[in-house]
Amino acid sequence: MARYVGPRTRKSRRLRQLLDENKAKYFDRRPYPPGEHGRGRIRESQYQIQLLEKQKLRHIYGVLEKQFRRYYREAARQKGITGENLLRILETRLDNVVYRAGLARTRPQARQLVNHGHFRVNGSRVDIPSYHVRAGDVVTLKERSQELFPVLQAVDTIDRPSPEWLDVDSADRKIVVSVLPSRPQIDTQIQEQLIVELYSK
């Protein structure tokens, strides 16, 4: 299965949660699922509720099913609560760190910037969006990429606060991962326990 590149508003409507902040006005205009029976009452099974929650998380972070399953297995092996471990793994992806720091307007844009090799981690060039940062890592923008239009636009227009677990210097385009995020520091509106229940069957 290829990565989804269709209208994100349509996917937001199907999953009943806004996936892209830039498309909020379109989602608010038609907040019901797409299709002929989108406004009809559909009795949801427990499996459908769990599946929708999993699909939400996948589409929020832009992860394919195979990769998501691998993340889940990794989270299950770690100590602690599996659902929280899964969110922490997704949150510490390099493309998400760039997005959270406000150097990109959307996660797909952050993914492309990383993929094109504009960022360095601890001085080394990293062009893998799924690269996992660790506590103490320093993410910087290459000198030649400091004045990129997407980065300048993001820094000038985004007013969302950076999370507590990141120290962001927008002027120097520098991000320091102070600690790994805990569940209260992750504002993703997901009931991760439903995903654990889905994969535990």
N, C-alpha and C. Protein backbone atom coordinates (compact mmCIF):
# COMPACT_ATOMS: atom_id res chain seq x y z
N MET A 1 0.84 -1.19 0.00
CA MET A 1 0.00 0.00 0.00
C MET A 1 0.87 1.25 0.00
N ALA A 2 0.59 2.18 -0.91
CA ALA A 2 1.36 3.41 -1.00
C ALA A 2 0.88 4.41 0.05
N ARG A 3 1.71 5.43 0.28
CA ARG A 3 1.34 6.47 1.24
C ARG A 3 0.13 7.24 0.72
N TYR A 4 -0.77 7.60 1.61
CA TYR A 4 -1.97 8.35 1.23
C TYR A 4 -1.58 9.78 0.85
N VAL A 5 -1.94 10.18 -0.38
CA VAL A 5 -1.63 11.53 -0.85
C VAL A 5 -2.88 12.28 -1.29
N GLY A 6 -4.06 11.75 -0.93
CA GLY A 6 -5.31 12.39 -1.30
C GLY A 6 -5.66 13.55 -0.37
N PRO A 7 -6.88 14.06 -0.47
CA PRO A 7 -7.31 15.19 0.36
C PRO A 7 -7.32 14.84 1.84
N ARG A 8 -6.58 15.60 2.64
CA ARG A 8 -6.51 15.30 4.07
C ARG A 8 -7.82 15.66 4.78
N THR A 9 -8.57 16.62 4.21
CA THR A 9 -9.86 16.97 4.82
C THR A 9 -10.82 15.79 4.72
N ARG A 10 -10.80 15.10 3.60
CA ARG A 10 -11.66 13.92 3.44
C ARG A 10 -11.31 12.85 4.48
N LYS A 11 -10.01 12.66 4.69
CA LYS A 11 -9.57 11.67 5.69
C LYS A 11 -9.96 12.13 7.09
N SER A 12 -9.87 13.43 7.36
CA SER A 12 -10.29 13.97 8.66
C SER A 12 -11.78 13.72 8.89
N ARG A 13 -12.57 13.92 7.85
CA ARG A 13 -14.01 13.70 7.98
C ARG A 13 -14.32 12.23 8.24
N ARG A 14 -13.62 11.34 7.55
CA ARG A 14 -13.85 9.92 7.74
C ARG A 14 -13.49 9.48 9.16
N LEU A 15 -12.39 10.02 9.69
CA LEU A 15 -11.93 9.64 11.03
C LEU A 15 -12.52 10.52 12.13
N ARG A 16 -13.29 11.54 11.72
CA ARG A 16 -14.00 12.43 12.65
C ARG A 16 -13.07 13.18 13.60
N GLN A 17 -11.90 13.53 13.08
CA GLN A 17 -10.95 14.33 13.85
C GLN A 17 -10.08 15.12 12.89
N LEU A 18 -9.84 16.39 13.19
CA LEU A 18 -9.04 17.24 12.31
C LEU A 18 -7.59 16.76 12.31
N LEU A 19 -7.07 16.41 11.13
CA LEU A 19 -5.71 15.91 11.02
C LEU A 19 -4.73 16.99 10.59
N ASP A 20 -5.22 18.05 9.99
CA ASP A 20 -4.36 19.12 9.49
C ASP A 20 -4.96 20.46 9.93
N GLU A 21 -4.25 21.18 10.79
CA GLU A 21 -4.76 22.45 11.32
C GLU A 21 -5.03 23.47 10.23
N ASN A 22 -4.30 23.37 9.12
CA ASN A 22 -4.48 24.33 8.02
C ASN A 22 -5.80 24.14 7.29
N LYS A 23 -6.44 22.99 7.49
CA LYS A 23 -7.70 22.69 6.80
C LYS A 23 -8.90 22.79 7.74
N ALA A 24 -8.76 23.50 8.84
CA ALA A 24 -9.81 23.55 9.86
C ALA A 24 -11.11 24.11 9.32
N LYS A 25 -11.04 25.14 8.47
CA LYS A 25 -12.28 25.78 7.99
C LYS A 25 -13.08 24.83 7.09
N TYR A 26 -12.37 23.98 6.34
CA TYR A 26 -13.07 23.01 5.48
C TYR A 26 -13.69 21.89 6.31
N PHE A 27 -12.97 21.49 7.36
CA PHE A 27 -13.48 20.43 8.24
C PHE A 27 -14.70 20.93 9.01
N ASP A 28 -14.66 22.18 9.47
CA ASP A 28 -15.79 22.74 10.22
C ASP A 28 -17.02 22.90 9.34
N ARG A 29 -16.80 23.11 8.05
CA ARG A 29 -17.91 23.29 7.13
C ARG A 29 -18.72 22.00 6.97
N ARG A 30 -18.01 20.86 6.96
CA ARG A 30 -18.68 19.55 6.81
C ARG A 30 -18.02 18.54 7.76
N PRO A 31 -18.38 18.58 9.03
CA PRO A 31 -17.69 17.72 10.01
C PRO A 31 -18.19 16.28 10.07
N TYR A 32 -19.04 15.89 9.14
CA TYR A 32 -19.57 14.53 9.12
C TYR A 32 -18.78 13.71 8.08
N PRO A 33 -18.85 12.36 8.15
CA PRO A 33 -18.10 11.52 7.21
C PRO A 33 -18.54 11.75 5.77
N PRO A 34 -17.63 11.56 4.80
CA PRO A 34 -17.98 11.76 3.40
C PRO A 34 -18.87 10.64 2.88
N GLY A 35 -19.51 10.90 1.76
CA GLY A 35 -20.34 9.88 1.14
C GLY A 35 -21.82 10.12 1.33
N GLU A 36 -22.61 9.32 0.63
CA GLU A 36 -24.06 9.47 0.63
C GLU A 36 -24.67 9.29 2.02
N HIS A 37 -24.11 8.37 2.79
CA HIS A 37 -24.67 8.06 4.11
C HIS A 37 -23.85 8.66 5.25
N GLY A 38 -23.08 9.71 4.91
CA GLY A 38 -22.19 10.30 5.91
C GLY A 38 -22.91 10.86 7.12
N ARG A 39 -24.13 11.41 6.90
CA ARG A 39 -24.85 12.03 8.02
C ARG A 39 -25.78 11.05 8.71
N GLY A 40 -25.92 9.86 8.18
CA GLY A 40 -26.81 8.88 8.80
C GLY A 40 -26.23 8.32 10.08
N ARG A 41 -27.09 7.83 10.93
CA ARG A 41 -26.62 7.23 12.18
C ARG A 41 -26.18 5.80 11.91
N ILE A 42 -24.95 5.51 12.24
CA ILE A 42 -24.41 4.17 12.05
C ILE A 42 -24.01 3.63 13.42
N ARG A 43 -24.54 2.48 13.74
CA ARG A 43 -24.19 1.88 15.02
C ARG A 43 -22.79 1.30 14.92
N GLU A 44 -21.89 1.83 15.72
CA GLU A 44 -20.49 1.42 15.64
C GLU A 44 -20.23 0.24 16.56
N SER A 45 -19.51 -0.74 16.04
CA SER A 45 -19.09 -1.87 16.87
C SER A 45 -17.84 -1.47 17.65
N GLN A 46 -17.50 -2.25 18.65
CA GLN A 46 -16.31 -1.98 19.44
C GLN A 46 -15.05 -2.07 18.56
N TYR A 47 -15.06 -3.04 17.65
CA TYR A 47 -13.92 -3.20 16.74
C TYR A 47 -13.76 -1.96 15.86
N GLN A 48 -14.87 -1.42 15.36
CA GLN A 48 -14.79 -0.23 14.51
C GLN A 48 -14.24 0.97 15.27
N ILE A 49 -14.65 1.12 16.52
CA ILE A 49 -14.15 2.22 17.35
C ILE A 49 -12.64 2.10 17.54
N GLN A 50 -12.18 0.87 17.82
CA GLN A 50 -10.74 0.64 18.02
C GLN A 50 -9.97 0.87 16.73
N LEU A 51 -10.52 0.40 15.60
CA LEU A 51 -9.86 0.56 14.32
C LEU A 51 -9.75 2.03 13.92
N LEU A 52 -10.82 2.80 14.13
CA LEU A 52 -10.78 4.23 13.82
C LEU A 52 -9.72 4.95 14.64
N GLU A 53 -9.57 4.56 15.90
CA GLU A 53 -8.57 5.19 16.76
C GLU A 53 -7.16 4.90 16.24
N LYS A 54 -6.96 3.67 15.80
CA LYS A 54 -5.65 3.31 15.25
C LYS A 54 -5.38 4.06 13.95
N GLN A 55 -6.39 4.16 13.09
CA GLN A 55 -6.23 4.87 11.82
C GLN A 55 -5.96 6.36 12.05
N LYS A 56 -6.61 6.92 13.06
CA LYS A 56 -6.35 8.33 13.40
C LYS A 56 -4.87 8.54 13.70
N LEU A 57 -4.34 7.70 14.58
CA LEU A 57 -2.94 7.86 15.00
C LEU A 57 -1.99 7.66 13.83
N ARG A 58 -2.30 6.69 12.98
CA ARG A 58 -1.47 6.45 11.80
C ARG A 58 -1.43 7.67 10.89
N HIS A 59 -2.59 8.25 10.63
CA HIS A 59 -2.66 9.36 9.69
C HIS A 59 -2.14 10.66 10.30
N ILE A 60 -2.27 10.82 11.61
CA ILE A 60 -1.73 12.02 12.25
C ILE A 60 -0.22 12.09 12.05
N TYR A 61 0.48 10.95 12.24
CA TYR A 61 1.93 10.93 12.14
C TYR A 61 2.44 10.51 10.76
N GLY A 62 1.51 10.13 9.85
CA GLY A 62 1.92 9.78 8.48
C GLY A 62 2.71 8.49 8.41
N VAL A 63 2.23 7.47 9.12
CA VAL A 63 2.95 6.19 9.19
C VAL A 63 2.12 5.12 8.48
N LEU A 64 2.79 4.25 7.73
CA LEU A 64 2.10 3.15 7.07
C LEU A 64 1.84 2.00 8.05
N GLU A 65 0.97 1.09 7.67
CA GLU A 65 0.53 0.02 8.56
C GLU A 65 1.69 -0.86 9.02
N LYS A 66 2.54 -1.27 8.10
CA LYS A 66 3.65 -2.17 8.46
C LYS A 66 4.58 -1.52 9.48
N GLN A 67 4.89 -0.27 9.24
CA GLN A 67 5.77 0.47 10.16
C GLN A 67 5.08 0.68 11.50
N PHE A 68 3.77 0.92 11.48
CA PHE A 68 3.02 1.13 12.72
C PHE A 68 3.02 -0.13 13.57
N ARG A 69 2.85 -1.29 12.92
CA ARG A 69 2.88 -2.56 13.65
C ARG A 69 4.25 -2.78 14.30
N ARG A 70 5.29 -2.41 13.57
CA ARG A 70 6.64 -2.55 14.13
C ARG A 70 6.82 -1.65 15.36
N TYR A 71 6.29 -0.42 15.29
CA TYR A 71 6.35 0.47 16.44
C TYR A 71 5.59 -0.12 17.63
N TYR A 72 4.44 -0.74 17.33
CA TYR A 72 3.65 -1.32 18.42
C TYR A 72 4.42 -2.46 19.09
N ARG A 73 5.05 -3.33 18.30
CA ARG A 73 5.82 -4.43 18.88
C ARG A 73 6.97 -3.89 19.73
N GLU A 74 7.61 -2.83 19.25
CA GLU A 74 8.70 -2.21 20.01
C GLU A 74 8.18 -1.63 21.33
N ALA A 75 7.01 -0.97 21.27
CA ALA A 75 6.41 -0.39 22.48
C ALA A 75 6.03 -1.47 23.48
N ALA A 76 5.55 -2.63 22.98
CA ALA A 76 5.14 -3.72 23.86
C ALA A 76 6.35 -4.33 24.57
N ARG A 77 7.51 -4.30 23.92
CA ARG A 77 8.72 -4.87 24.54
C ARG A 77 9.30 -3.96 25.62
N GLN A 78 9.04 -2.66 25.52
CA GLN A 78 9.61 -1.72 26.49
C GLN A 78 8.89 -1.80 27.83
N LYS A 79 9.56 -1.35 28.87
CA LYS A 79 8.94 -1.30 30.19
C LYS A 79 7.92 -0.16 30.23
N GLY A 80 6.91 -0.32 31.05
CA GLY A 80 5.91 0.73 31.18
C GLY A 80 4.62 0.39 30.45
N ILE A 81 3.79 1.41 30.25
CA ILE A 81 2.49 1.23 29.62
C ILE A 81 2.67 1.24 28.09
N THR A 82 2.18 0.21 27.44
CA THR A 82 2.40 0.04 26.00
C THR A 82 1.88 1.22 25.19
N GLY A 83 0.66 1.69 25.51
CA GLY A 83 0.08 2.80 24.76
C GLY A 83 0.92 4.06 24.87
N GLU A 84 1.41 4.37 26.05
CA GLU A 84 2.24 5.56 26.24
C GLU A 84 3.59 5.39 25.54
N ASN A 85 4.14 4.18 25.58
CA ASN A 85 5.40 3.92 24.88
C ASN A 85 5.23 4.14 23.38
N LEU A 86 4.09 3.70 22.83
CA LEU A 86 3.82 3.86 21.41
C LEU A 86 3.76 5.34 21.03
N LEU A 87 3.06 6.14 21.82
CA LEU A 87 2.98 7.57 21.55
C LEU A 87 4.36 8.23 21.65
N ARG A 88 5.17 7.79 22.60
CA ARG A 88 6.51 8.36 22.77
C ARG A 88 7.39 8.03 21.55
N ILE A 89 7.26 6.81 21.04
CA ILE A 89 8.03 6.42 19.86
C ILE A 89 7.65 7.29 18.66
N LEU A 90 6.36 7.51 18.46
CA LEU A 90 5.89 8.33 17.34
C LEU A 90 6.29 9.79 17.52
N GLU A 91 6.24 10.26 18.75
CA GLU A 91 6.51 11.67 19.04
C GLU A 91 7.99 12.00 18.85
N THR A 92 8.88 11.03 19.03
CA THR A 92 10.32 11.30 18.93
C THR A 92 10.88 11.05 17.52
N ARG A 93 10.00 10.84 16.54
CA ARG A 93 10.47 10.80 15.15
C ARG A 93 11.02 12.18 14.78
N LEU A 94 12.06 12.21 13.96
CA LEU A 94 12.70 13.48 13.62
C LEU A 94 11.75 14.42 12.91
N ASP A 95 10.93 13.91 11.99
CA ASP A 95 10.01 14.81 11.28
C ASP A 95 9.00 15.43 12.24
N ASN A 96 8.57 14.67 13.25
CA ASN A 96 7.63 15.22 14.22
C ASN A 96 8.30 16.26 15.11
N VAL A 97 9.57 16.05 15.46
CA VAL A 97 10.30 17.02 16.28
C VAL A 97 10.42 18.35 15.55
N VAL A 98 10.72 18.28 14.24
CA VAL A 98 10.82 19.50 13.43
C VAL A 98 9.46 20.21 13.39
N TYR A 99 8.38 19.44 13.24
CA TYR A 99 7.03 20.02 13.22
C TYR A 99 6.69 20.64 14.57
N ARG A 100 6.94 19.92 15.66
CA ARG A 100 6.63 20.42 17.00
C ARG A 100 7.41 21.70 17.34
N ALA A 101 8.62 21.79 16.81
CA ALA A 101 9.46 22.96 17.10
C ALA A 101 9.02 24.19 16.31
N GLY A 102 8.11 24.02 15.36
CA GLY A 102 7.61 25.16 14.60
C GLY A 102 8.46 25.53 13.40
N LEU A 103 9.31 24.61 12.93
CA LEU A 103 10.13 24.88 11.74
C LEU A 103 9.46 24.38 10.47
N ALA A 104 8.26 23.81 10.61
CA ALA A 104 7.47 23.39 9.46
C ALA A 104 6.00 23.56 9.82
N ARG A 105 5.19 23.89 8.83
CA ARG A 105 3.76 24.15 9.10
C ARG A 105 2.98 22.86 9.33
N THR A 106 3.37 21.79 8.65
CA THR A 106 2.66 20.52 8.77
C THR A 106 3.69 19.39 8.89
N ARG A 107 3.22 18.23 9.33
CA ARG A 107 4.12 17.08 9.42
C ARG A 107 4.59 16.62 8.03
N PRO A 108 3.72 16.59 7.00
CA PRO A 108 4.23 16.24 5.67
C PRO A 108 5.33 17.20 5.19
N GLN A 109 5.19 18.48 5.50
CA GLN A 109 6.23 19.44 5.11
C GLN A 109 7.52 19.17 5.88
N ALA A 110 7.39 18.86 7.17
CA ALA A 110 8.57 18.53 7.98
C ALA A 110 9.25 17.28 7.44
N ARG A 111 8.44 16.31 7.04
CA ARG A 111 8.98 15.06 6.47
C ARG A 111 9.80 15.36 5.22
N GLN A 112 9.27 16.23 4.36
CA GLN A 112 9.98 16.56 3.12
C GLN A 112 11.28 17.31 3.40
N LEU A 113 11.26 18.24 4.35
CA LEU A 113 12.47 18.99 4.69
C LEU A 113 13.56 18.06 5.21
N VAL A 114 13.17 17.10 6.06
CA VAL A 114 14.15 16.13 6.57
C VAL A 114 14.64 15.24 5.44
N ASN A 115 13.72 14.79 4.61
CA ASN A 115 14.07 13.90 3.50
C ASN A 115 15.06 14.53 2.53
N HIS A 116 14.98 15.84 2.38
CA HIS A 116 15.87 16.54 1.47
C HIS A 116 17.21 16.91 2.12
N GLY A 117 17.42 16.47 3.35
CA GLY A 117 18.71 16.62 4.00
C GLY A 117 19.02 17.98 4.56
N HIS A 118 17.99 18.73 4.96
CA HIS A 118 18.22 20.08 5.48
C HIS A 118 18.60 20.11 6.96
N PHE A 119 18.44 19.00 7.67
CA PHE A 119 18.68 19.00 9.12
C PHE A 119 19.85 18.12 9.51
N ARG A 120 20.47 18.51 10.61
CA ARG A 120 21.57 17.73 11.19
C ARG A 120 21.20 17.37 12.64
N VAL A 121 21.61 16.18 13.05
CA VAL A 121 21.42 15.75 14.44
C VAL A 121 22.80 15.53 15.03
N ASN A 122 23.10 16.32 16.05
CA ASN A 122 24.43 16.28 16.69
C ASN A 122 25.55 16.48 15.66
N GLY A 123 25.29 17.35 14.69
CA GLY A 123 26.31 17.69 13.69
C GLY A 123 26.34 16.79 12.48
N SER A 124 25.60 15.68 12.49
CA SER A 124 25.62 14.74 11.37
C SER A 124 24.34 14.89 10.54
N ARG A 125 24.49 14.85 9.22
CA ARG A 125 23.35 14.97 8.33
C ARG A 125 22.45 13.74 8.46
N VAL A 126 21.16 13.98 8.67
CA VAL A 126 20.18 12.90 8.77
C VAL A 126 19.04 13.21 7.81
N ASP A 127 18.77 12.28 6.88
CA ASP A 127 17.69 12.49 5.91
C ASP A 127 16.63 11.40 6.02
N ILE A 128 16.50 10.82 7.21
CA ILE A 128 15.51 9.77 7.46
C ILE A 128 14.44 10.35 8.39
N PRO A 129 13.23 10.58 7.90
CA PRO A 129 12.18 11.18 8.74
C PRO A 129 11.83 10.36 9.97
N SER A 130 12.00 9.03 9.90
CA SER A 130 11.63 8.18 11.03
C SER A 130 12.77 8.03 12.05
N TYR A 131 13.86 8.74 11.85
CA TYR A 131 14.98 8.69 12.81
C TYR A 131 14.48 9.11 14.19
N HIS A 132 14.84 8.31 15.22
CA HIS A 132 14.37 8.60 16.58
C HIS A 132 15.42 9.42 17.34
N VAL A 133 14.99 10.58 17.82
CA VAL A 133 15.89 11.40 18.63
C VAL A 133 15.90 10.88 20.06
N ARG A 134 16.97 11.18 20.76
CA ARG A 134 17.12 10.78 22.15
C ARG A 134 17.30 12.02 23.02
N ALA A 135 17.16 11.84 24.32
CA ALA A 135 17.36 12.96 25.24
C ALA A 135 18.80 13.47 25.10
N GLY A 136 18.94 14.77 24.96
CA GLY A 136 20.26 15.38 24.81
C GLY A 136 20.65 15.64 23.37
N ASP A 137 19.89 15.12 22.40
CA ASP A 137 20.21 15.34 20.99
C ASP A 137 19.98 16.81 20.61
N VAL A 138 20.80 17.30 19.71
CA VAL A 138 20.68 18.68 19.21
C VAL A 138 20.39 18.61 17.71
N VAL A 139 19.25 19.17 17.33
CA VAL A 139 18.84 19.19 15.92
C VAL A 139 19.01 20.61 15.40
N THR A 140 19.76 20.76 14.31
CA THR A 140 20.01 22.08 13.73
C THR A 140 19.70 22.07 12.24
N LEU A 141 19.41 23.25 11.72
CA LEU A 141 19.18 23.42 10.29
C LEU A 141 20.51 23.76 9.62
N LYS A 142 20.78 23.17 8.47
CA LYS A 142 22.02 23.47 7.75
C LYS A 142 22.12 24.96 7.46
N GLU A 143 23.34 25.48 7.42
CA GLU A 143 23.55 26.91 7.20
C GLU A 143 22.94 27.37 5.87
N ARG A 144 23.12 26.56 4.84
CA ARG A 144 22.59 26.94 3.51
C ARG A 144 21.07 26.88 3.46
N SER A 145 20.45 26.23 4.45
CA SER A 145 19.00 26.08 4.46
C SER A 145 18.30 27.05 5.42
N GLN A 146 19.08 27.94 6.04
CA GLN A 146 18.53 28.84 7.06
C GLN A 146 17.42 29.74 6.51
N GLU A 147 17.54 30.14 5.25
CA GLU A 147 16.60 31.10 4.67
C GLU A 147 15.60 30.44 3.72
N LEU A 148 15.38 29.16 3.87
CA LEU A 148 14.38 28.48 3.04
C LEU A 148 13.00 29.10 3.26
N PHE A 149 12.27 29.29 2.17
CA PHE A 149 10.96 29.93 2.29
C PHE A 149 10.00 29.16 3.21
N PRO A 150 9.89 27.82 3.11
CA PRO A 150 8.96 27.11 4.01
C PRO A 150 9.32 27.29 5.49
N VAL A 151 10.61 27.33 5.79
CA VAL A 151 11.04 27.50 7.18
C VAL A 151 10.73 28.92 7.65
N LEU A 152 11.05 29.93 6.83
CA LEU A 152 10.76 31.32 7.19
C LEU A 152 9.26 31.53 7.38
N GLN A 153 8.47 30.94 6.49
CA GLN A 153 7.01 31.07 6.58
C GLN A 153 6.49 30.43 7.87
N ALA A 154 7.03 29.27 8.20
CA ALA A 154 6.59 28.58 9.42
C ALA A 154 6.95 29.38 10.67
N VAL A 155 8.18 29.88 10.71
CA VAL A 155 8.63 30.64 11.89
C VAL A 155 7.82 31.92 12.05
N ASP A 156 7.48 32.57 10.92
CA ASP A 156 6.76 33.85 10.98
C ASP A 156 5.27 33.69 11.27
N THR A 157 4.67 32.61 10.83
CA THR A 157 3.21 32.50 10.91
C THR A 157 2.69 31.58 12.02
N ILE A 158 3.50 30.62 12.45
CA ILE A 158 3.00 29.65 13.44
C ILE A 158 3.07 30.26 14.84
N ASP A 159 1.97 30.15 15.57
CA ASP A 159 1.95 30.67 16.94
C ASP A 159 1.69 29.56 17.96
N ARG A 160 1.79 28.30 17.55
CA ARG A 160 1.58 27.22 18.52
C ARG A 160 2.83 27.09 19.39
N PRO A 161 2.65 26.92 20.69
CA PRO A 161 3.81 26.83 21.60
C PRO A 161 4.55 25.51 21.40
N SER A 162 5.86 25.56 21.56
CA SER A 162 6.64 24.33 21.46
C SER A 162 6.45 23.52 22.75
N PRO A 163 6.51 22.19 22.67
CA PRO A 163 6.27 21.36 23.85
C PRO A 163 7.36 21.52 24.91
N GLU A 164 7.02 21.13 26.13
CA GLU A 164 7.93 21.32 27.27
C GLU A 164 9.21 20.52 27.13
N TRP A 165 9.16 19.40 26.42
CA TRP A 165 10.33 18.52 26.34
C TRP A 165 11.34 18.96 25.28
N LEU A 166 11.03 20.05 24.57
CA LEU A 166 11.95 20.59 23.57
C LEU A 166 12.37 22.01 23.95
N ASP A 167 13.66 22.31 23.81
CA ASP A 167 14.16 23.67 23.94
C ASP A 167 14.41 24.19 22.53
N VAL A 168 13.61 25.17 22.10
CA VAL A 168 13.67 25.64 20.72
C VAL A 168 14.22 27.06 20.65
N ASP A 169 15.23 27.25 19.80
CA ASP A 169 15.77 28.57 19.51
C ASP A 169 15.44 28.87 18.04
N SER A 170 14.33 29.58 17.82
CA SER A 170 13.87 29.83 16.45
C SER A 170 14.84 30.69 15.67
N ALA A 171 15.51 31.62 16.34
CA ALA A 171 16.44 32.52 15.64
C ALA A 171 17.61 31.74 15.06
N ASP A 172 18.17 30.82 15.83
CA ASP A 172 19.31 30.02 15.37
C ASP A 172 18.90 28.71 14.70
N ARG A 173 17.55 28.49 14.63
CA ARG A 173 17.02 27.24 14.04
C ARG A 173 17.63 26.02 14.74
N LYS A 174 17.56 26.04 16.06
CA LYS A 174 18.19 24.98 16.85
C LYS A 174 17.18 24.37 17.81
N ILE A 175 17.16 23.04 17.89
CA ILE A 175 16.24 22.30 18.77
C ILE A 175 17.08 21.39 19.66
N VAL A 176 16.84 21.48 20.97
CA VAL A 176 17.51 20.58 21.91
C VAL A 176 16.45 19.72 22.57
N VAL A 177 16.63 18.40 22.50
CA VAL A 177 15.70 17.46 23.14
C VAL A 177 16.13 17.33 24.59
N SER A 178 15.44 18.05 25.47
CA SER A 178 15.86 18.06 26.88
C SER A 178 15.55 16.74 27.57
N VAL A 179 14.35 16.22 27.37
CA VAL A 179 13.95 14.91 27.93
C VAL A 179 13.02 14.23 26.93
N LEU A 180 12.80 12.93 27.11
CA LEU A 180 11.80 12.24 26.30
C LEU A 180 10.42 12.60 26.83
N PRO A 181 9.43 12.73 25.96
CA PRO A 181 8.11 13.21 26.41
C PRO A 181 7.36 12.17 27.24
N SER A 182 6.62 12.65 28.22
CA SER A 182 5.70 11.81 28.99
C SER A 182 4.30 12.01 28.42
N ARG A 183 3.36 11.15 28.82
CA ARG A 183 2.01 11.22 28.23
C ARG A 183 1.34 12.59 28.44
N PRO A 184 1.43 13.21 29.63
CA PRO A 184 0.78 14.53 29.79
C PRO A 184 1.37 15.61 28.87
N GLN A 185 2.62 15.41 28.39
CA GLN A 185 3.25 16.39 27.52
C GLN A 185 2.92 16.19 26.04
N ILE A 186 2.21 15.10 25.73
CA ILE A 186 1.83 14.81 24.35
C ILE A 186 0.36 15.17 24.19
N ASP A 187 0.07 16.18 23.38
CA ASP A 187 -1.29 16.70 23.28
C ASP A 187 -2.13 16.03 22.18
N THR A 188 -1.63 14.92 21.62
CA THR A 188 -2.38 14.20 20.60
C THR A 188 -3.66 13.63 21.21
N GLN A 189 -4.80 13.96 20.61
CA GLN A 189 -6.09 13.53 21.17
C GLN A 189 -6.42 12.12 20.70
N ILE A 190 -5.84 11.16 21.39
CA ILE A 190 -5.99 9.75 21.05
C ILE A 190 -6.20 8.94 22.32
N GLN A 191 -7.10 7.96 22.24
CA GLN A 191 -7.26 7.00 23.35
C GLN A 191 -6.40 5.79 23.01
N GLU A 192 -5.16 5.84 23.44
CA GLU A 192 -4.20 4.81 23.05
C GLU A 192 -4.55 3.42 23.57
N GLN A 193 -5.34 3.36 24.65
CA GLN A 193 -5.72 2.07 25.20
C GLN A 193 -6.57 1.26 24.21
N LEU A 194 -7.37 1.97 23.40
CA LEU A 194 -8.18 1.29 22.38
C LEU A 194 -7.29 0.60 21.33
N ILE A 195 -6.16 1.23 21.01
CA ILE A 195 -5.24 0.65 20.04
C ILE A 195 -4.57 -0.60 20.62
N VAL A 196 -4.23 -0.52 21.90
CA VAL A 196 -3.62 -1.68 22.57
C VAL A 196 -4.61 -2.84 22.58
N GLU A 197 -5.88 -2.53 22.85
CA GLU A 197 -6.92 -3.57 22.87
C GLU A 197 -7.09 -4.20 21.48
N LEU A 198 -6.98 -3.35 20.43
CA LEU A 198 -7.13 -3.85 19.07
C LEU A 198 -6.04 -4.84 18.72
N TYR A 199 -4.79 -4.50 19.06
CA TYR A 199 -3.66 -5.36 18.71
C TYR A 199 -3.51 -6.55 19.67
N SER A 200 -4.19 -6.50 20.80
CA SER A 200 -4.09 -7.58 21.77
C SER A 200 -5.02 -8.74 21.45
N LYS A 201 -5.89 -8.58 20.44
CA LYS A 201 -6.87 -9.63 20.14
C LYS A 201 -6.18 -10.85 19.51
